[in-house]
Amino acid sequence: MSPYHITLADDHVLLRQGLRRIIEESPDLKIVGEVGDGLELLQLLNCISLDMVVLDISMPNLGGLEAVGKIKARHPKVKVLMLTMHRDKEYLYQALSSGADGYILKDEADTELFSAIKSIREGRSYISPSLSTELDDYQPLFDGEKAVLSFTDERLTTREREVLKLIAEGKTSRDVAELLSISTRTVEQHRANIMIKLRLGNTADLVKYAIKKRYI
């Protein structure tokens, strides 16, 4: 069997080094890249061939939740395993609805990582057992063999969440436009849509919302 190629995306170098040591204990798994930034990850995917990304949610410039949709759109055969500290069901939902194939907690990586990789490699999804009860709040809609989950409180598109996060981090519309490769006018339109959908009055309210929902 040919090696299963994996890239690690996490802004903590020590964590990446630890994951590399754990993963490469298995002779059929091979780490082919490490990045600490969501945008850097997308650039790397254009340059190398791989089977899976082990992806953190909280990263600079472009977070994991925002990166999942882009990965799946541009590289649909690449599997995505979210490895995160976030137990909140909203993060779990957003990851799965964006296309993630698995979701496990960092403090369970030593016991769950190989099981998650094996399941995803075999075409199944994987969620940390300690989080499985969180799925009780979701309505599963099945598309072939993979469940697509709906959540009534989810109002923002993936792009709007990207814009929300960057604005809340203090980026100007021009900064956001450059980071996402869109026009300033489009950024302003997304901002207006976000304000309407979330019933926010100003940028301060937007930042408060982003903090409350842990986008930043």
N, C-alpha and C. Protein backbone atom coordinates (compact mmCIF):
# COMPACT_ATOMS: atom_id res chain seq x y z
N MET A 1 0.84 -1.20 0.00
CA MET A 1 0.00 0.00 0.00
C MET A 1 0.88 1.25 0.00
N SER A 2 0.57 2.19 -0.88
CA SER A 2 1.36 3.41 -0.96
C SER A 2 1.10 4.27 0.28
N PRO A 3 2.09 5.07 0.69
CA PRO A 3 1.91 5.91 1.88
C PRO A 3 0.75 6.89 1.72
N TYR A 4 0.09 7.15 2.82
CA TYR A 4 -1.02 8.11 2.87
C TYR A 4 -0.42 9.45 3.27
N HIS A 5 -0.50 10.43 2.37
CA HIS A 5 0.19 11.70 2.55
C HIS A 5 -0.67 12.71 3.32
N ILE A 6 -0.09 13.27 4.37
CA ILE A 6 -0.81 14.17 5.27
C ILE A 6 -0.04 15.47 5.46
N THR A 7 -0.77 16.59 5.49
CA THR A 7 -0.19 17.89 5.82
C THR A 7 -0.79 18.38 7.13
N LEU A 8 0.05 18.97 7.97
CA LEU A 8 -0.40 19.50 9.27
C LEU A 8 -0.53 21.01 9.18
N ALA A 9 -1.67 21.54 9.62
CA ALA A 9 -1.90 22.98 9.60
C ALA A 9 -2.31 23.44 10.99
N ASP A 10 -1.35 24.03 11.70
CA ASP A 10 -1.58 24.53 13.05
C ASP A 10 -0.50 25.56 13.34
N ASP A 11 -0.88 26.65 14.01
CA ASP A 11 0.10 27.71 14.23
C ASP A 11 1.00 27.46 15.43
N HIS A 12 0.83 26.33 16.12
CA HIS A 12 1.71 25.97 17.24
C HIS A 12 2.75 24.96 16.77
N VAL A 13 3.99 25.40 16.69
CA VAL A 13 5.06 24.55 16.14
C VAL A 13 5.25 23.29 16.96
N LEU A 14 5.23 23.42 18.29
CA LEU A 14 5.46 22.25 19.15
C LEU A 14 4.37 21.21 18.96
N LEU A 15 3.14 21.66 18.77
CA LEU A 15 2.04 20.72 18.55
C LEU A 15 2.25 19.99 17.23
N ARG A 16 2.63 20.73 16.19
CA ARG A 16 2.88 20.09 14.90
C ARG A 16 3.98 19.04 15.01
N GLN A 17 5.03 19.37 15.74
CA GLN A 17 6.13 18.43 15.89
C GLN A 17 5.67 17.17 16.62
N GLY A 18 4.82 17.36 17.63
CA GLY A 18 4.29 16.22 18.37
C GLY A 18 3.40 15.35 17.49
N LEU A 19 2.56 15.99 16.69
CA LEU A 19 1.69 15.25 15.79
C LEU A 19 2.49 14.48 14.75
N ARG A 20 3.54 15.13 14.23
CA ARG A 20 4.40 14.45 13.25
C ARG A 20 4.99 13.17 13.84
N ARG A 21 5.48 13.26 15.08
CA ARG A 21 6.08 12.07 15.71
C ARG A 21 5.04 10.96 15.89
N ILE A 22 3.83 11.35 16.31
CA ILE A 22 2.78 10.35 16.52
C ILE A 22 2.39 9.70 15.20
N ILE A 23 2.11 10.53 14.19
CA ILE A 23 1.61 10.02 12.91
C ILE A 23 2.63 9.14 12.21
N GLU A 24 3.88 9.55 12.23
CA GLU A 24 4.89 8.81 11.49
C GLU A 24 5.36 7.55 12.20
N GLU A 25 4.75 7.25 13.37
CA GLU A 25 4.96 5.94 13.98
C GLU A 25 4.31 4.85 13.12
N SER A 26 3.33 5.25 12.32
CA SER A 26 2.68 4.30 11.42
C SER A 26 3.41 4.32 10.08
N PRO A 27 3.92 3.20 9.62
CA PRO A 27 4.75 3.17 8.40
C PRO A 27 3.98 3.55 7.14
N ASP A 28 2.65 3.47 7.17
CA ASP A 28 1.89 3.78 5.95
C ASP A 28 1.37 5.22 5.94
N LEU A 29 1.79 6.03 6.91
CA LEU A 29 1.42 7.44 6.96
C LEU A 29 2.66 8.30 6.80
N LYS A 30 2.57 9.36 6.02
CA LYS A 30 3.73 10.21 5.77
C LYS A 30 3.33 11.68 5.81
N ILE A 31 4.05 12.47 6.60
CA ILE A 31 3.83 13.92 6.64
C ILE A 31 4.56 14.56 5.48
N VAL A 32 3.83 15.29 4.64
CA VAL A 32 4.45 15.90 3.46
C VAL A 32 4.44 17.43 3.52
N GLY A 33 4.02 17.98 4.65
CA GLY A 33 4.04 19.43 4.76
C GLY A 33 3.53 19.90 6.11
N GLU A 34 4.02 21.06 6.54
CA GLU A 34 3.57 21.69 7.77
C GLU A 34 3.40 23.18 7.52
N VAL A 35 2.28 23.74 7.96
CA VAL A 35 2.05 25.18 7.84
C VAL A 35 1.40 25.69 9.13
N GLY A 36 1.54 26.99 9.36
CA GLY A 36 0.95 27.59 10.55
C GLY A 36 -0.05 28.67 10.22
N ASP A 37 -0.52 28.71 8.98
CA ASP A 37 -1.33 29.81 8.49
C ASP A 37 -2.30 29.28 7.44
N GLY A 38 -3.57 29.70 7.50
CA GLY A 38 -4.56 29.20 6.57
C GLY A 38 -4.27 29.55 5.12
N LEU A 39 -3.82 30.76 4.87
CA LEU A 39 -3.50 31.15 3.50
C LEU A 39 -2.29 30.39 2.98
N GLU A 40 -1.32 30.17 3.86
CA GLU A 40 -0.15 29.39 3.48
C GLU A 40 -0.54 27.96 3.11
N LEU A 41 -1.53 27.43 3.82
CA LEU A 41 -2.02 26.09 3.52
C LEU A 41 -2.59 26.02 2.11
N LEU A 42 -3.41 26.99 1.74
CA LEU A 42 -4.02 26.99 0.41
C LEU A 42 -2.95 27.08 -0.68
N GLN A 43 -1.91 27.86 -0.41
CA GLN A 43 -0.81 27.97 -1.37
C GLN A 43 -0.08 26.64 -1.50
N LEU A 44 0.13 25.98 -0.37
CA LEU A 44 0.84 24.70 -0.39
C LEU A 44 0.07 23.64 -1.17
N LEU A 45 -1.26 23.66 -1.03
CA LEU A 45 -2.08 22.66 -1.71
C LEU A 45 -1.99 22.78 -3.23
N ASN A 46 -1.62 23.94 -3.71
CA ASN A 46 -1.45 24.12 -5.15
C ASN A 46 -0.13 23.54 -5.66
N CYS A 47 0.75 23.21 -4.70
CA CYS A 47 2.11 22.81 -5.09
C CYS A 47 2.40 21.34 -4.85
N ILE A 48 1.66 20.69 -3.98
CA ILE A 48 1.96 19.31 -3.64
C ILE A 48 0.71 18.45 -3.77
N SER A 49 0.91 17.14 -3.82
CA SER A 49 -0.18 16.18 -3.86
C SER A 49 -0.29 15.52 -2.49
N LEU A 50 -1.48 15.50 -1.92
CA LEU A 50 -1.65 14.88 -0.62
C LEU A 50 -3.05 14.30 -0.49
N ASP A 51 -3.24 13.52 0.58
CA ASP A 51 -4.51 12.84 0.80
C ASP A 51 -5.35 13.49 1.89
N MET A 52 -4.69 14.08 2.89
CA MET A 52 -5.43 14.62 4.04
C MET A 52 -4.73 15.83 4.63
N VAL A 53 -5.55 16.76 5.14
CA VAL A 53 -5.05 17.88 5.94
C VAL A 53 -5.57 17.71 7.36
N VAL A 54 -4.69 17.76 8.34
CA VAL A 54 -5.09 17.82 9.75
C VAL A 54 -5.06 19.29 10.11
N LEU A 55 -6.22 19.85 10.39
CA LEU A 55 -6.40 21.30 10.37
C LEU A 55 -6.94 21.84 11.69
N ASP A 56 -6.28 22.86 12.22
CA ASP A 56 -6.75 23.54 13.42
C ASP A 56 -7.78 24.59 13.04
N ILE A 57 -8.67 24.94 13.97
CA ILE A 57 -9.67 25.98 13.70
C ILE A 57 -9.05 27.36 13.81
N SER A 58 -8.28 27.60 14.86
CA SER A 58 -7.77 28.94 15.14
C SER A 58 -6.37 29.11 14.56
N MET A 59 -6.29 29.83 13.44
CA MET A 59 -5.01 30.13 12.81
C MET A 59 -5.02 31.56 12.29
N PRO A 60 -3.84 32.14 12.10
CA PRO A 60 -3.77 33.52 11.59
C PRO A 60 -4.27 33.63 10.15
N ASN A 61 -4.70 34.84 9.80
CA ASN A 61 -5.07 35.23 8.44
C ASN A 61 -6.31 34.51 7.91
N LEU A 62 -6.30 33.20 7.90
CA LEU A 62 -7.46 32.45 7.45
C LEU A 62 -7.62 31.24 8.37
N GLY A 63 -8.69 31.23 9.16
CA GLY A 63 -8.90 30.16 10.12
C GLY A 63 -9.34 28.86 9.46
N GLY A 64 -9.33 27.80 10.25
CA GLY A 64 -9.65 26.49 9.75
C GLY A 64 -11.04 26.36 9.18
N LEU A 65 -12.03 26.95 9.85
CA LEU A 65 -13.40 26.85 9.36
C LEU A 65 -13.55 27.49 7.98
N GLU A 66 -12.87 28.60 7.79
CA GLU A 66 -12.93 29.28 6.49
C GLU A 66 -12.15 28.49 5.44
N ALA A 67 -11.07 27.85 5.87
CA ALA A 67 -10.22 27.13 4.92
C ALA A 67 -10.87 25.86 4.40
N VAL A 68 -11.72 25.21 5.21
CA VAL A 68 -12.31 23.93 4.80
C VAL A 68 -13.05 24.06 3.48
N GLY A 69 -13.93 25.06 3.40
CA GLY A 69 -14.71 25.23 2.18
C GLY A 69 -13.84 25.47 0.96
N LYS A 70 -12.79 26.24 1.13
CA LYS A 70 -11.88 26.52 0.02
C LYS A 70 -11.14 25.25 -0.41
N ILE A 71 -10.72 24.47 0.57
CA ILE A 71 -10.02 23.22 0.25
C ILE A 71 -10.93 22.29 -0.55
N LYS A 72 -12.17 22.14 -0.07
CA LYS A 72 -13.10 21.22 -0.72
C LYS A 72 -13.49 21.71 -2.12
N ALA A 73 -13.55 23.02 -2.29
CA ALA A 73 -13.91 23.56 -3.60
C ALA A 73 -12.78 23.37 -4.62
N ARG A 74 -11.55 23.58 -4.16
CA ARG A 74 -10.41 23.53 -5.06
C ARG A 74 -9.77 22.15 -5.17
N HIS A 75 -9.87 21.38 -4.09
CA HIS A 75 -9.23 20.06 -4.04
C HIS A 75 -10.20 19.06 -3.42
N PRO A 76 -11.25 18.71 -4.12
CA PRO A 76 -12.33 17.90 -3.53
C PRO A 76 -11.92 16.52 -3.05
N LYS A 77 -10.81 15.99 -3.55
CA LYS A 77 -10.39 14.66 -3.12
C LYS A 77 -9.59 14.69 -1.81
N VAL A 78 -9.17 15.86 -1.38
CA VAL A 78 -8.40 15.98 -0.15
C VAL A 78 -9.33 15.88 1.05
N LYS A 79 -9.02 15.00 1.98
CA LYS A 79 -9.81 14.84 3.19
C LYS A 79 -9.36 15.87 4.23
N VAL A 80 -10.29 16.30 5.07
CA VAL A 80 -9.98 17.30 6.09
C VAL A 80 -10.40 16.78 7.46
N LEU A 81 -9.42 16.67 8.35
CA LEU A 81 -9.68 16.30 9.75
C LEU A 81 -9.42 17.51 10.63
N MET A 82 -10.46 18.01 11.28
CA MET A 82 -10.30 19.13 12.20
C MET A 82 -9.76 18.61 13.53
N LEU A 83 -8.69 19.22 14.01
CA LEU A 83 -8.10 18.88 15.30
C LEU A 83 -8.08 20.16 16.11
N THR A 84 -8.90 20.25 17.15
CA THR A 84 -9.14 21.54 17.78
C THR A 84 -9.35 21.42 19.28
N MET A 85 -9.25 22.55 19.96
CA MET A 85 -9.55 22.61 21.39
C MET A 85 -11.02 22.94 21.63
N HIS A 86 -11.76 23.31 20.57
CA HIS A 86 -13.13 23.81 20.72
C HIS A 86 -14.14 22.67 20.86
N ARG A 87 -14.84 22.66 21.99
CA ARG A 87 -15.89 21.66 22.24
C ARG A 87 -17.27 22.17 21.85
N ASP A 88 -17.40 23.47 21.57
CA ASP A 88 -18.70 24.06 21.28
C ASP A 88 -19.35 23.40 20.07
N LYS A 89 -20.64 23.09 20.21
CA LYS A 89 -21.33 22.42 19.11
C LYS A 89 -21.43 23.31 17.87
N GLU A 90 -21.38 24.63 18.05
CA GLU A 90 -21.45 25.51 16.88
C GLU A 90 -20.22 25.32 16.00
N TYR A 91 -19.05 25.19 16.62
CA TYR A 91 -17.84 24.94 15.85
C TYR A 91 -17.93 23.58 15.15
N LEU A 92 -18.42 22.59 15.88
CA LEU A 92 -18.57 21.25 15.30
C LEU A 92 -19.48 21.31 14.09
N TYR A 93 -20.63 21.96 14.22
CA TYR A 93 -21.55 22.08 13.09
C TYR A 93 -20.91 22.80 11.90
N GLN A 94 -20.29 23.94 12.18
CA GLN A 94 -19.70 24.72 11.10
C GLN A 94 -18.64 23.91 10.35
N ALA A 95 -17.85 23.15 11.09
CA ALA A 95 -16.82 22.33 10.45
C ALA A 95 -17.45 21.29 9.53
N LEU A 96 -18.45 20.57 10.03
CA LEU A 96 -19.08 19.52 9.24
C LEU A 96 -19.84 20.09 8.05
N SER A 97 -20.56 21.19 8.28
CA SER A 97 -21.34 21.77 7.18
C SER A 97 -20.45 22.38 6.11
N SER A 98 -19.21 22.74 6.48
CA SER A 98 -18.27 23.29 5.50
C SER A 98 -17.57 22.20 4.70
N GLY A 99 -17.74 20.95 5.16
CA GLY A 99 -17.18 19.84 4.39
C GLY A 99 -16.12 19.02 5.10
N ALA A 100 -15.84 19.31 6.38
CA ALA A 100 -14.83 18.53 7.11
C ALA A 100 -15.26 17.08 7.20
N ASP A 101 -14.28 16.18 7.11
CA ASP A 101 -14.56 14.74 7.16
C ASP A 101 -14.47 14.19 8.58
N GLY A 102 -13.85 14.95 9.48
CA GLY A 102 -13.73 14.50 10.86
C GLY A 102 -13.47 15.66 11.79
N TYR A 103 -13.72 15.43 13.09
CA TYR A 103 -13.57 16.49 14.09
C TYR A 103 -13.19 15.83 15.40
N ILE A 104 -11.94 16.05 15.85
CA ILE A 104 -11.51 15.50 17.13
C ILE A 104 -10.85 16.59 17.97
N LEU A 105 -10.83 16.37 19.27
CA LEU A 105 -10.28 17.34 20.20
C LEU A 105 -8.79 17.10 20.42
N LYS A 106 -8.06 18.19 20.61
CA LYS A 106 -6.61 18.08 20.78
C LYS A 106 -6.25 17.24 22.00
N ASP A 107 -7.03 17.39 23.06
CA ASP A 107 -6.67 16.64 24.27
C ASP A 107 -7.04 15.15 24.17
N GLU A 108 -7.61 14.76 23.03
CA GLU A 108 -7.90 13.34 22.80
C GLU A 108 -7.10 12.78 21.63
N ALA A 109 -6.19 13.60 21.10
CA ALA A 109 -5.45 13.20 19.90
C ALA A 109 -4.64 11.93 20.12
N ASP A 110 -4.09 11.76 21.32
CA ASP A 110 -3.24 10.60 21.56
C ASP A 110 -4.02 9.29 21.47
N THR A 111 -5.33 9.33 21.74
CA THR A 111 -6.14 8.11 21.68
C THR A 111 -7.04 8.04 20.45
N GLU A 112 -7.38 9.17 19.85
CA GLU A 112 -8.36 9.19 18.77
C GLU A 112 -7.77 9.43 17.37
N LEU A 113 -6.53 9.94 17.31
CA LEU A 113 -6.00 10.38 16.02
C LEU A 113 -5.94 9.26 14.98
N PHE A 114 -5.37 8.12 15.35
CA PHE A 114 -5.24 7.04 14.38
C PHE A 114 -6.61 6.49 13.96
N SER A 115 -7.54 6.41 14.92
CA SER A 115 -8.88 5.94 14.58
C SER A 115 -9.55 6.88 13.59
N ALA A 116 -9.36 8.19 13.81
CA ALA A 116 -9.95 9.19 12.93
C ALA A 116 -9.37 9.09 11.52
N ILE A 117 -8.04 9.01 11.43
CA ILE A 117 -7.39 8.92 10.12
C ILE A 117 -7.83 7.65 9.40
N LYS A 118 -7.89 6.54 10.11
CA LYS A 118 -8.29 5.26 9.50
C LYS A 118 -9.72 5.34 8.96
N SER A 119 -10.63 5.87 9.77
CA SER A 119 -12.03 5.95 9.35
C SER A 119 -12.19 6.83 8.12
N ILE A 120 -11.55 8.00 8.15
CA ILE A 120 -11.66 8.93 7.02
C ILE A 120 -11.01 8.34 5.78
N ARG A 121 -9.89 7.68 5.96
CA ARG A 121 -9.19 7.06 4.83
C ARG A 121 -10.07 6.01 4.16
N GLU A 122 -10.92 5.36 4.96
CA GLU A 122 -11.80 4.32 4.44
C GLU A 122 -13.14 4.87 3.96
N GLY A 123 -13.26 6.21 3.95
CA GLY A 123 -14.45 6.82 3.39
C GLY A 123 -15.56 7.13 4.37
N ARG A 124 -15.26 7.04 5.66
CA ARG A 124 -16.25 7.35 6.68
C ARG A 124 -15.89 8.65 7.39
N SER A 125 -16.87 9.24 8.06
CA SER A 125 -16.61 10.42 8.88
C SER A 125 -16.21 9.98 10.28
N TYR A 126 -15.61 10.90 11.04
CA TYR A 126 -15.22 10.56 12.41
C TYR A 126 -15.36 11.78 13.31
N ILE A 127 -15.99 11.58 14.46
CA ILE A 127 -16.14 12.62 15.46
C ILE A 127 -15.73 12.05 16.80
N SER A 128 -15.01 12.82 17.59
CA SER A 128 -14.60 12.36 18.92
C SER A 128 -15.80 11.80 19.68
N PRO A 129 -15.67 10.61 20.27
CA PRO A 129 -16.78 10.02 21.01
C PRO A 129 -17.36 10.95 22.07
N SER A 130 -16.52 11.77 22.68
CA SER A 130 -17.01 12.67 23.73
C SER A 130 -17.90 13.78 23.19
N LEU A 131 -17.89 13.96 21.85
CA LEU A 131 -18.71 14.99 21.22
C LEU A 131 -19.92 14.41 20.50
N SER A 132 -20.05 13.11 20.46
CA SER A 132 -21.11 12.50 19.66
C SER A 132 -22.50 12.93 20.12
N THR A 133 -22.67 13.20 21.41
CA THR A 133 -23.99 13.61 21.90
C THR A 133 -24.37 14.99 21.40
N GLU A 134 -23.37 15.80 21.00
CA GLU A 134 -23.67 17.14 20.49
C GLU A 134 -24.48 17.08 19.21
N LEU A 135 -24.39 15.97 18.48
CA LEU A 135 -25.11 15.85 17.22
C LEU A 135 -26.60 15.65 17.42
N ASP A 136 -27.04 15.42 18.67
CA ASP A 136 -28.46 15.26 18.93
C ASP A 136 -29.25 16.51 18.59
N ASP A 137 -28.58 17.68 18.60
CA ASP A 137 -29.28 18.93 18.33
C ASP A 137 -29.41 19.23 16.84
N TYR A 138 -28.84 18.38 15.99
CA TYR A 138 -28.85 18.63 14.57
C TYR A 138 -29.85 17.72 13.87
N GLN A 139 -30.35 18.18 12.75
CA GLN A 139 -31.24 17.38 11.92
C GLN A 139 -30.44 16.83 10.76
N PRO A 140 -30.19 15.51 10.75
CA PRO A 140 -29.38 14.95 9.67
C PRO A 140 -30.16 14.79 8.37
N LEU A 141 -29.56 15.23 7.28
CA LEU A 141 -30.13 15.04 5.95
C LEU A 141 -29.09 14.27 5.16
N PHE A 142 -29.43 13.10 4.67
CA PHE A 142 -28.43 12.23 4.08
C PHE A 142 -28.31 12.45 2.57
N ASP A 143 -27.05 12.62 2.16
CA ASP A 143 -26.73 12.79 0.75
C ASP A 143 -25.78 11.66 0.39
N GLY A 144 -26.31 10.58 -0.17
CA GLY A 144 -25.49 9.41 -0.40
C GLY A 144 -25.12 8.79 0.93
N GLU A 145 -23.80 8.59 1.15
CA GLU A 145 -23.35 7.97 2.38
C GLU A 145 -22.96 8.99 3.44
N LYS A 146 -22.93 10.25 3.07
CA LYS A 146 -22.43 11.26 4.01
C LYS A 146 -23.57 12.15 4.50
N ALA A 147 -23.62 12.39 5.79
CA ALA A 147 -24.68 13.20 6.36
C ALA A 147 -24.39 14.67 6.15
N VAL A 148 -25.41 15.39 5.72
CA VAL A 148 -25.33 16.84 5.64
C VAL A 148 -26.22 17.38 6.75
N LEU A 149 -25.67 18.23 7.62
CA LEU A 149 -26.39 18.66 8.80
C LEU A 149 -26.94 20.06 8.66
N SER A 150 -28.18 20.25 9.06
CA SER A 150 -28.77 21.58 9.01
C SER A 150 -28.91 22.12 10.41
N PHE A 151 -28.80 23.43 10.55
CA PHE A 151 -28.84 24.07 11.86
C PHE A 151 -29.58 25.38 11.70
N THR A 152 -30.70 25.54 12.38
CA THR A 152 -31.60 26.66 12.12
C THR A 152 -30.98 28.01 12.43
N ASP A 153 -29.99 28.09 13.30
CA ASP A 153 -29.40 29.37 13.67
C ASP A 153 -28.30 29.81 12.72
N GLU A 154 -27.92 28.96 11.77
CA GLU A 154 -26.84 29.30 10.86
C GLU A 154 -27.36 30.21 9.76
N ARG A 155 -26.91 31.46 9.73
CA ARG A 155 -27.43 32.43 8.78
C ARG A 155 -26.37 32.95 7.82
N LEU A 156 -25.12 32.87 8.19
CA LEU A 156 -24.06 33.43 7.37
C LEU A 156 -23.48 32.40 6.41
N THR A 157 -23.13 32.86 5.22
CA THR A 157 -22.42 31.99 4.29
C THR A 157 -20.97 31.85 4.74
N THR A 158 -20.25 30.92 4.12
CA THR A 158 -18.84 30.74 4.45
C THR A 158 -18.06 32.03 4.19
N ARG A 159 -18.32 32.68 3.06
CA ARG A 159 -17.62 33.93 2.73
C ARG A 159 -17.95 35.02 3.74
N GLU A 160 -19.21 35.11 4.15
CA GLU A 160 -19.60 36.13 5.14
C GLU A 160 -18.91 35.88 6.48
N ARG A 161 -18.73 34.62 6.85
CA ARG A 161 -18.01 34.33 8.10
C ARG A 161 -16.55 34.74 7.99
N GLU A 162 -15.97 34.54 6.79
CA GLU A 162 -14.58 34.97 6.57
C GLU A 162 -14.46 36.48 6.73
N VAL A 163 -15.39 37.21 6.12
CA VAL A 163 -15.36 38.67 6.20
C VAL A 163 -15.61 39.13 7.63
N LEU A 164 -16.57 38.51 8.29
CA LEU A 164 -16.86 38.86 9.69
C LEU A 164 -15.63 38.71 10.57
N LYS A 165 -14.94 37.60 10.44
CA LYS A 165 -13.76 37.34 11.26
C LYS A 165 -12.68 38.39 11.02
N LEU A 166 -12.40 38.69 9.77
CA LEU A 166 -11.33 39.63 9.44
C LEU A 166 -11.68 41.05 9.88
N ILE A 167 -12.93 41.46 9.69
CA ILE A 167 -13.34 42.79 10.14
C ILE A 167 -13.24 42.88 11.65
N ALA A 168 -13.68 41.84 12.34
CA ALA A 168 -13.63 41.84 13.80
C ALA A 168 -12.19 41.87 14.31
N GLU A 169 -11.25 41.38 13.51
CA GLU A 169 -9.83 41.41 13.89
C GLU A 169 -9.21 42.78 13.62
N GLY A 170 -10.01 43.72 13.09
CA GLY A 170 -9.51 45.07 12.87
C GLY A 170 -9.04 45.36 11.46
N LYS A 171 -9.27 44.41 10.54
CA LYS A 171 -8.84 44.61 9.16
C LYS A 171 -9.76 45.64 8.47
N THR A 172 -9.20 46.48 7.63
CA THR A 172 -10.00 47.41 6.84
C THR A 172 -10.63 46.67 5.66
N SER A 173 -11.57 47.31 4.99
CA SER A 173 -12.19 46.68 3.83
C SER A 173 -11.15 46.38 2.76
N ARG A 174 -10.18 47.28 2.60
CA ARG A 174 -9.11 47.04 1.62
C ARG A 174 -8.26 45.84 2.02
N ASP A 175 -7.95 45.73 3.33
CA ASP A 175 -7.18 44.58 3.81
C ASP A 175 -7.92 43.29 3.53
N VAL A 176 -9.23 43.26 3.85
CA VAL A 176 -10.04 42.06 3.65
C VAL A 176 -10.08 41.70 2.17
N ALA A 177 -10.25 42.71 1.33
CA ALA A 177 -10.30 42.47 -0.12
C ALA A 177 -9.01 41.82 -0.61
N GLU A 178 -7.87 42.31 -0.14
CA GLU A 178 -6.59 41.75 -0.57
C GLU A 178 -6.41 40.32 -0.06
N LEU A 179 -6.78 40.07 1.20
CA LEU A 179 -6.61 38.74 1.79
C LEU A 179 -7.49 37.70 1.11
N LEU A 180 -8.69 38.10 0.71
CA LEU A 180 -9.64 37.15 0.12
C LEU A 180 -9.68 37.21 -1.40
N SER A 181 -8.88 38.11 -1.99
CA SER A 181 -8.82 38.26 -3.45
C SER A 181 -10.18 38.61 -4.05
N ILE A 182 -10.84 39.56 -3.40
CA ILE A 182 -12.11 40.07 -3.90
C ILE A 182 -12.04 41.59 -3.93
N SER A 183 -13.04 42.24 -4.49
CA SER A 183 -13.03 43.70 -4.56
C SER A 183 -13.48 44.34 -3.25
N THR A 184 -13.05 45.56 -3.03
CA THR A 184 -13.48 46.29 -1.83
C THR A 184 -15.00 46.45 -1.82
N ARG A 185 -15.58 46.68 -2.98
CA ARG A 185 -17.03 46.82 -3.08
C ARG A 185 -17.74 45.54 -2.63
N THR A 186 -17.17 44.39 -2.99
CA THR A 186 -17.75 43.12 -2.58
C THR A 186 -17.66 42.95 -1.07
N VAL A 187 -16.54 43.37 -0.49
CA VAL A 187 -16.39 43.31 0.97
C VAL A 187 -17.48 44.14 1.64
N GLU A 188 -17.71 45.34 1.14
CA GLU A 188 -18.73 46.21 1.72
C GLU A 188 -20.12 45.60 1.60
N GLN A 189 -20.36 44.91 0.50
CA GLN A 189 -21.66 44.25 0.33
C GLN A 189 -21.82 43.12 1.33
N HIS A 190 -20.74 42.34 1.53
CA HIS A 190 -20.78 41.28 2.53
C HIS A 190 -21.01 41.86 3.92
N ARG A 191 -20.34 42.96 4.24
CA ARG A 191 -20.50 43.60 5.54
C ARG A 191 -21.98 44.00 5.74
N ALA A 192 -22.57 44.59 4.71
CA ALA A 192 -23.97 45.01 4.80
C ALA A 192 -24.89 43.80 5.01
N ASN A 193 -24.61 42.72 4.29
CA ASN A 193 -25.43 41.51 4.44
C ASN A 193 -25.31 40.94 5.85
N ILE A 194 -24.08 40.96 6.39
CA ILE A 194 -23.86 40.46 7.74
C ILE A 194 -24.66 41.28 8.74
N MET A 195 -24.60 42.59 8.61
CA MET A 195 -25.33 43.48 9.52
C MET A 195 -26.83 43.21 9.49
N ILE A 196 -27.36 42.99 8.26
CA ILE A 196 -28.80 42.75 8.12
C ILE A 196 -29.18 41.39 8.72
N LYS A 197 -28.41 40.35 8.36
CA LYS A 197 -28.74 39.00 8.82
C LYS A 197 -28.66 38.87 10.34
N LEU A 198 -27.66 39.53 10.94
CA LEU A 198 -27.45 39.40 12.38
C LEU A 198 -28.10 40.53 13.17
N ARG A 199 -28.74 41.46 12.45
CA ARG A 199 -29.43 42.58 13.07
C ARG A 199 -28.47 43.40 13.94
N LEU A 200 -27.32 43.73 13.36
CA LEU A 200 -26.30 44.50 14.06
C LEU A 200 -26.36 45.95 13.59
N GLY A 201 -26.05 46.88 14.51
CA GLY A 201 -26.17 48.29 14.18
C GLY A 201 -24.89 48.92 13.65
N ASN A 202 -23.73 48.43 14.11
CA ASN A 202 -22.47 49.04 13.72
C ASN A 202 -21.33 48.04 13.88
N THR A 203 -20.11 48.51 13.56
CA THR A 203 -18.95 47.62 13.62
C THR A 203 -18.67 47.15 15.03
N ALA A 204 -18.91 48.01 16.02
CA ALA A 204 -18.70 47.61 17.41
C ALA A 204 -19.58 46.41 17.77
N ASP A 205 -20.83 46.44 17.31
CA ASP A 205 -21.73 45.32 17.55
C ASP A 205 -21.22 44.06 16.84
N LEU A 206 -20.67 44.26 15.64
CA LEU A 206 -20.13 43.14 14.89
C LEU A 206 -18.98 42.48 15.65
N VAL A 207 -18.10 43.30 16.20
CA VAL A 207 -16.95 42.78 16.97
C VAL A 207 -17.44 42.03 18.21
N LYS A 208 -18.42 42.59 18.90
CA LYS A 208 -18.97 41.94 20.10
C LYS A 208 -19.55 40.58 19.73
N TYR A 209 -20.26 40.54 18.60
CA TYR A 209 -20.85 39.28 18.14
C TYR A 209 -19.74 38.25 17.85
N ALA A 210 -18.69 38.70 17.16
CA ALA A 210 -17.60 37.80 16.79
C ALA A 210 -16.90 37.24 18.02
N ILE A 211 -16.75 38.07 19.04
CA ILE A 211 -16.12 37.61 20.28
C ILE A 211 -17.02 36.61 20.99
N LYS A 212 -18.30 36.94 21.06
CA LYS A 212 -19.27 36.05 21.73
C LYS A 212 -19.32 34.69 21.07
N LYS A 213 -19.28 34.67 19.74
CA LYS A 213 -19.35 33.43 19.00
C LYS A 213 -17.98 32.81 18.77
N ARG A 214 -16.94 33.45 19.31
CA ARG A 214 -15.57 32.93 19.27
C ARG A 214 -15.03 32.79 17.85
N TYR A 215 -15.42 33.72 16.98
CA TYR A 215 -14.77 33.79 15.68
C TYR A 215 -13.36 34.33 15.85
N ILE A 216 -13.14 35.10 16.92
CA ILE A 216 -11.80 35.61 17.23
C ILE A 216 -11.51 35.35 18.69
